[in-house]
Amino acid sequence: MLRIFDLNKKNLGIFDGYEAFLGFITSLENQKLSESSSSLGLGYWAFAHYTPEKLKHVCAWIKPEFLSNTQLKALQQKWGLIEIYRGDSAAIQEILITSDLYVEDFKKKFCLDYCRERGWRLIETNDHKSSQNTLVGERRYVVHPHTRKSRLSQRSLENTVGRLLKAELDSCIDRLRQNPVSSNPLPAPIRPNTRKGEF
């Protein structure tokens, strides 16, 4: 489950997952298009996922000379296609859907980028139900237009560094336990032979 908040901490909605949030983004962007035809050029965001059958049906209405090389390759290989607009229709990103590609990862990244662009806050909650109780895990993605990293990634980095330091400290303690230090680890001081009258 996803909860979205704007810069003023106003709740923009609760969504079952990234697919539902993607539908919300699409409706917002289509509303911008209906209000102004110039929105398609600048500031327009869209995520389109075509299965091989859907792509074949859509491209049947387009002359082959107007298809991109990626679209032609997807048609020839009978692959799906992802098209992503991130604020500029001239800079479209086309991704071939091969067997090893996971589309949900691209949907999630698109949604997080959209939030980052607007300074929105996205909170992801995972509900795990068992026969005894319900566990709720929460992930907070605080995205800001001027930062590339979410707070979650920063925390995981800090946790990784902390775990490495703790592991290093634990290994030092184990070494000391294996080779205990005597109560007086330093050798007795060496006294130089001194003669009478010498210091």
Protein backbone atom coordinates (compact mmCIF):
# COMPACT_ATOMS: atom_id res chain seq x y z
CA MET A 1 0.00 0.00 0.00
CA LEU A 2 1.28 3.47 -0.90
CA ARG A 3 0.50 6.80 0.73
CA ILE A 4 1.44 10.01 -1.07
CA PHE A 5 1.87 13.45 0.52
CA ASP A 6 2.70 16.76 -1.16
CA LEU A 7 5.19 19.41 0.00
CA ASN A 8 2.61 20.81 2.48
CA LYS A 9 2.09 17.31 3.98
CA LYS A 10 -1.38 17.14 2.42
CA ASN A 11 -2.50 13.57 1.75
CA LEU A 12 -2.83 13.10 -2.02
CA GLY A 13 -4.12 9.54 -1.82
CA ILE A 14 -3.71 5.94 -0.74
CA PHE A 15 -3.00 3.36 -3.46
CA ASP A 16 -2.93 -0.45 -3.46
CA GLY A 17 0.41 -0.52 -5.29
CA TYR A 18 2.53 1.06 -7.97
CA GLU A 19 0.09 0.05 -10.72
CA ALA A 20 -2.72 2.02 -9.03
CA PHE A 21 -0.42 4.99 -8.38
CA LEU A 22 0.66 4.87 -12.02
CA GLY A 23 -3.01 5.17 -13.00
CA PHE A 24 -3.28 8.26 -10.78
CA ILE A 25 -0.20 9.81 -12.44
CA THR A 26 -1.63 9.05 -15.89
CA SER A 27 -4.93 10.75 -15.02
CA LEU A 28 -3.06 13.85 -13.75
CA GLU A 29 -0.93 14.04 -16.89
CA ASN A 30 -3.94 13.49 -19.20
CA GLN A 31 -5.73 16.30 -17.38
CA LYS A 32 -2.76 18.56 -18.12
CA LEU A 33 -3.01 17.57 -21.80
CA SER A 34 -6.71 18.42 -21.98
CA GLU A 35 -6.08 21.82 -20.37
CA SER A 36 -3.17 22.76 -22.63
CA SER A 37 -1.96 21.21 -25.86
CA SER A 38 1.56 22.56 -25.20
CA SER A 39 1.94 20.21 -22.18
CA LEU A 40 2.96 17.34 -24.44
CA GLY A 41 6.21 19.07 -25.31
CA LEU A 42 7.46 20.09 -21.88
CA GLY A 43 6.60 18.72 -18.45
CA TYR A 44 4.65 15.71 -19.74
CA TRP A 45 5.21 12.41 -17.93
CA ALA A 46 3.94 9.05 -19.15
CA PHE A 47 4.64 5.35 -18.73
CA ALA A 48 3.33 2.98 -21.41
CA HIS A 49 3.65 -0.80 -21.23
CA TYR A 50 2.88 -2.73 -24.43
CA THR A 51 2.59 -6.50 -24.54
CA PRO A 52 3.69 -8.03 -27.89
CA GLU A 53 0.02 -8.34 -28.99
CA LYS A 54 -0.86 -4.78 -27.96
CA LEU A 55 2.25 -3.39 -29.65
CA LYS A 56 1.39 -5.23 -32.87
CA HIS A 57 -2.15 -3.84 -32.78
CA VAL A 58 -0.97 -0.24 -32.12
CA CYS A 59 1.78 -0.33 -34.76
CA ALA A 60 -0.62 -1.73 -37.37
CA TRP A 61 -2.06 1.79 -37.65
CA ILE A 62 1.35 3.44 -38.09
CA LYS A 63 3.32 3.53 -41.32
CA PRO A 64 6.57 1.49 -40.98
CA GLU A 65 8.75 4.49 -41.87
CA PHE A 66 7.44 6.32 -38.77
CA LEU A 67 8.37 3.49 -36.39
CA SER A 68 11.61 3.72 -34.38
CA ASN A 69 14.32 1.07 -34.63
CA THR A 70 13.41 -0.16 -31.13
CA GLN A 71 9.74 -0.52 -32.10
CA LEU A 72 10.68 -2.40 -35.29
CA LYS A 73 12.97 -4.74 -33.34
CA ALA A 74 10.24 -5.42 -30.75
CA LEU A 75 7.79 -6.28 -33.57
CA GLN A 76 10.29 -8.57 -35.33
CA GLN A 77 11.34 -10.40 -32.16
CA LYS A 78 7.75 -10.48 -30.79
CA TRP A 79 8.81 -8.70 -27.61
CA GLY A 80 6.93 -6.20 -25.49
CA LEU A 81 7.94 -2.56 -25.15
CA ILE A 82 8.04 0.11 -22.44
CA GLU A 83 7.89 3.78 -23.42
CA ILE A 84 8.74 6.39 -20.79
CA TYR A 85 8.36 10.18 -21.01
CA ARG A 86 9.99 12.14 -18.19
CA GLY A 87 9.07 15.75 -18.81
CA ASP A 88 10.12 15.94 -22.46
CA SER A 89 8.34 14.15 -25.29
CA ALA A 90 11.43 14.52 -27.49
CA ALA A 91 13.47 12.46 -25.00
CA ILE A 92 11.42 9.26 -25.01
CA GLN A 93 13.00 6.19 -23.47
CA GLU A 94 12.14 2.90 -25.18
CA ILE A 95 12.96 -0.39 -23.45
CA LEU A 96 12.56 -3.82 -25.01
CA ILE A 97 10.86 -6.34 -22.72
CA THR A 98 13.00 -9.45 -22.86
CA SER A 99 12.50 -12.56 -20.73
CA ASP A 100 14.94 -11.38 -18.03
CA LEU A 101 13.40 -7.91 -17.61
CA TYR A 102 11.05 -7.20 -14.69
CA VAL A 103 8.54 -4.48 -15.68
CA GLU A 104 7.49 -3.75 -12.08
CA ASP A 105 10.97 -2.37 -11.30
CA PHE A 106 10.58 0.21 -14.08
CA LYS A 107 7.09 1.18 -12.84
CA LYS A 108 8.41 1.70 -9.32
CA LYS A 109 11.36 3.79 -10.50
CA PHE A 110 9.07 5.91 -12.69
CA CYS A 111 6.72 6.57 -9.76
CA LEU A 112 9.61 7.48 -7.43
CA ASP A 113 11.10 9.80 -10.07
CA TYR A 114 7.71 11.46 -10.52
CA CYS A 115 7.46 12.08 -6.76
CA ARG A 116 11.05 13.33 -6.62
CA GLU A 117 10.35 15.81 -9.42
CA ARG A 118 7.43 17.30 -7.46
CA GLY A 119 8.92 17.02 -3.98
CA TRP A 120 6.22 14.56 -2.91
CA ARG A 121 6.66 12.06 -0.11
CA LEU A 122 5.87 8.39 -0.77
CA ILE A 123 5.35 5.94 2.09
CA GLU A 124 5.18 2.24 1.20
CA THR A 125 3.47 -0.05 3.72
CA ASN A 126 3.62 -3.83 3.46
CA ASP A 127 0.93 -5.80 5.30
CA HIS A 128 1.88 -9.36 6.20
CA LYS A 129 -1.03 -11.33 7.60
CA SER A 130 -0.54 -14.51 9.58
CA SER A 131 -2.93 -16.70 11.54
CA GLN A 132 -1.85 -15.15 14.86
CA ASN A 133 -1.37 -11.46 14.18
CA THR A 134 -0.82 -8.82 11.54
CA LEU A 135 2.63 -7.36 11.03
CA VAL A 136 2.94 -4.04 9.27
CA GLY A 137 6.25 -3.05 7.75
CA GLU A 138 6.69 0.49 6.53
CA ARG A 139 9.17 1.98 4.08
CA ARG A 140 9.39 5.72 3.72
CA TYR A 141 10.68 7.17 0.51
CA VAL A 142 11.29 10.84 1.05
CA VAL A 143 12.02 12.19 -2.36
CA HIS A 144 13.08 15.74 -3.01
CA PRO A 145 13.65 17.45 -6.37
CA HIS A 146 17.22 18.41 -5.49
CA THR A 147 18.41 15.04 -4.22
CA ARG A 148 19.09 11.80 -6.06
CA LYS A 149 18.93 9.52 -3.01
CA SER A 150 15.91 8.71 -0.91
CA ARG A 151 16.14 8.73 2.87
CA LEU A 152 15.70 4.95 2.79
CA SER A 153 18.84 4.47 0.69
CA GLN A 154 20.77 6.81 3.01
CA ARG A 155 19.64 4.82 6.06
CA SER A 156 20.59 1.52 4.47
CA LEU A 157 24.03 2.95 3.65
CA GLU A 158 24.46 4.09 7.29
CA ASN A 159 23.31 0.67 8.52
CA THR A 160 25.80 -1.08 6.21
CA VAL A 161 28.69 1.08 7.46
CA GLY A 162 27.57 0.50 11.06
CA ARG A 163 27.43 -3.27 10.52
CA LEU A 164 30.93 -3.27 9.00
CA LEU A 165 32.36 -1.28 11.92
CA LYS A 166 30.62 -3.56 14.44
CA ALA A 167 31.98 -6.66 12.66
CA GLU A 168 35.50 -5.22 12.73
CA LEU A 169 35.19 -4.38 16.43
CA ASP A 170 33.85 -7.88 17.20
CA SER A 171 36.78 -9.50 15.40
CA CYS A 172 39.25 -7.36 17.42
CA ILE A 173 37.54 -8.42 20.65
CA ASP A 174 37.69 -12.10 19.60
CA ARG A 175 41.43 -11.81 18.85
CA LEU A 176 42.04 -10.25 22.26
CA ARG A 177 40.10 -13.04 23.95
CA GLN A 178 42.17 -15.70 22.17
CA ASN A 179 45.49 -14.04 23.07
CA PRO A 180 44.90 -12.46 26.47
CA VAL A 181 47.21 -9.71 27.50
CA SER A 182 49.15 -10.33 30.76
CA SER A 183 48.77 -7.90 33.62
CA ASN A 184 52.16 -6.36 32.78
CA PRO A 185 52.71 -6.68 29.04
CA LEU A 186 55.81 -4.46 28.98
CA PRO A 187 59.26 -5.97 29.66
CA ALA A 188 61.16 -4.81 32.70
CA PRO A 189 63.07 -1.62 32.06
CA ILE A 190 66.76 -2.00 31.24
CA ARG A 191 69.00 -0.07 33.60
CA PRO A 192 72.32 0.96 32.19
CA ASN A 193 75.45 0.09 34.13
CA THR A 194 76.60 3.22 35.80
CA ARG A 195 79.95 3.81 37.46
CA LYS A 196 80.68 6.03 40.37
CA GLY A 197 80.74 9.64 39.40
CA GLU A 198 78.72 9.04 36.24
CA PHE A 199 75.15 9.95 35.82
